Amino acid sequence: MAMCENWQVFVHDGRHNHAISVYTHGHAQAAKLTEEQLIQIEQFKKSHVPPRNILRFFREQNVGCAVSAQKIYDVVAKIKKNRMQGRNTVQHATVGSGRDDPDW
């Protein structure tokens, strides 16, 4: 039993009070990307594949894929941020942006 000034909570049964969800969209664990998928996203990014096509690829590979478009966009943004190495947009565009790097 937990008490807080004006109300109380009694736990009768410590188990979940509902069945496991049939729909996994939006569940963090179901939408978690594997290391292999993260590498694939980075390779797609280097090839200038739009995030919507990356998402389509994952959904075609795995029909039950719960990865959202937002997750793909977040990973792409993280790749860009890591690539900039702490520089702001202007610094990155003008100084050492990696334009000579054949993989980017």
Protein backbone atom coordinates (compact mmCIF):
# COMPACT_ATOMS: atom_id res chain seq x y z
CA MET A 1 0.00 0.00 0.00
CA ALA A 2 1.26 3.47 -0.92
CA MET A 3 -0.03 6.61 0.75
CA CYS A 4 0.07 10.18 -0.47
CA GLU A 5 -1.69 12.90 1.55
CA ASN A 6 -5.28 12.47 0.31
CA TRP A 7 -5.40 9.15 -1.51
CA GLN A 8 -4.27 5.55 -1.24
CA VAL A 9 -3.41 2.82 -3.73
CA PHE A 10 -3.97 -0.83 -2.88
CA VAL A 11 -2.31 -3.47 -5.07
CA HIS A 12 -4.46 -6.61 -5.02
CA ASP A 13 -2.58 -8.49 -7.73
CA GLY A 14 0.88 -7.37 -8.90
CA ARG A 15 0.46 -8.80 -12.42
CA HIS A 16 -0.66 -6.87 -15.49
CA ASN A 17 -4.38 -6.25 -15.57
CA HIS A 18 -4.71 -6.73 -19.33
CA ALA A 19 -3.69 -9.18 -22.03
CA ILE A 20 -0.65 -8.63 -24.25
CA SER A 21 -1.43 -6.18 -27.02
CA VAL A 22 -2.09 -7.64 -30.46
CA TYR A 23 -0.98 -4.42 -32.17
CA THR A 24 2.70 -3.69 -31.58
CA HIS A 25 2.85 -0.37 -33.45
CA GLY A 26 4.16 2.26 -31.09
CA HIS A 27 5.61 -0.17 -28.56
CA ALA A 28 9.26 0.72 -27.95
CA GLN A 29 10.55 -2.84 -27.78
CA ALA A 30 8.75 -3.94 -30.96
CA ALA A 31 9.99 -0.87 -32.86
CA LYS A 32 13.60 -1.25 -31.71
CA LEU A 33 16.01 -1.49 -34.62
CA THR A 34 18.68 -4.17 -34.74
CA GLU A 35 22.34 -3.37 -35.29
CA GLU A 36 22.03 -4.80 -38.80
CA GLN A 37 19.09 -2.50 -39.57
CA LEU A 38 21.01 0.54 -38.30
CA ILE A 39 23.89 -0.35 -40.64
CA GLN A 40 21.43 -0.75 -43.51
CA ILE A 41 19.92 2.68 -42.79
CA GLU A 42 23.38 4.24 -42.84
CA GLN A 43 24.14 2.56 -46.17
CA PHE A 44 20.82 3.76 -47.60
CA LYS A 45 21.60 7.28 -46.35
CA LYS A 46 24.97 7.20 -48.12
CA SER A 47 23.10 6.20 -51.30
CA HIS A 48 20.65 9.12 -50.84
CA VAL A 49 17.62 6.86 -50.38
CA PRO A 50 14.69 8.83 -48.88
CA PRO A 51 13.52 7.72 -45.41
CA ARG A 52 10.08 6.75 -46.75
CA ASN A 53 11.74 4.24 -49.10
CA ILE A 54 13.89 2.89 -46.28
CA LEU A 55 10.72 2.30 -44.26
CA ARG A 56 9.09 0.60 -47.26
CA PHE A 57 12.14 -1.66 -47.58
CA PHE A 58 11.92 -2.77 -43.94
CA ARG A 59 8.19 -3.39 -44.18
CA GLU A 60 8.62 -5.47 -47.34
CA GLN A 61 11.38 -7.52 -45.67
CA ASN A 62 9.32 -8.09 -42.51
CA VAL A 63 5.55 -7.87 -42.80
CA GLY A 64 5.11 -7.52 -39.03
CA CYS A 65 7.61 -4.64 -38.85
CA ALA A 66 6.58 -2.15 -36.17
CA VAL A 67 9.18 0.49 -37.06
CA SER A 68 7.59 3.89 -37.60
CA ALA A 69 8.51 6.58 -40.10
CA GLN A 70 9.49 8.82 -37.17
CA LYS A 71 12.00 6.22 -35.97
CA ILE A 72 13.64 6.17 -39.42
CA TYR A 73 13.79 9.98 -39.48
CA ASP A 74 15.29 9.99 -35.96
CA VAL A 75 18.02 7.53 -36.97
CA VAL A 76 18.82 9.54 -40.12
CA ALA A 77 19.04 12.72 -38.01
CA LYS A 78 21.37 10.97 -35.56
CA ILE A 79 23.60 9.84 -38.45
CA LYS A 80 23.74 13.43 -39.75
CA LYS A 81 24.53 14.77 -36.28
CA ASN A 82 27.36 12.27 -35.80
CA ARG A 83 28.67 13.12 -39.25
CA MET A 84 28.84 16.85 -38.40
CA GLN A 85 31.06 16.10 -35.36
CA GLY A 86 29.81 18.99 -33.24
CA ARG A 87 29.94 21.62 -35.98
CA ASN A 88 26.96 23.80 -36.77
CA THR A 89 25.38 23.74 -40.23
CA VAL A 90 27.43 26.62 -41.65
CA GLN A 91 30.72 25.26 -40.31
CA HIS A 92 29.90 21.84 -41.68
CA ALA A 93 29.03 23.23 -45.12
CA THR A 94 32.19 25.33 -45.41
CA VAL A 95 34.96 23.64 -43.42
CA GLY A 96 35.80 19.95 -43.57
CA SER A 97 32.34 18.76 -44.46
CA GLY A 98 33.67 15.49 -45.79
CA ARG A 99 32.88 16.36 -49.38
CA ASP A 100 36.05 14.52 -50.38
CA ASP A 101 34.84 11.37 -48.65
CA PRO A 102 33.73 8.97 -51.42
CA ASP A 103 31.37 7.12 -49.05
CA TRP A 104 29.27 10.18 -48.28
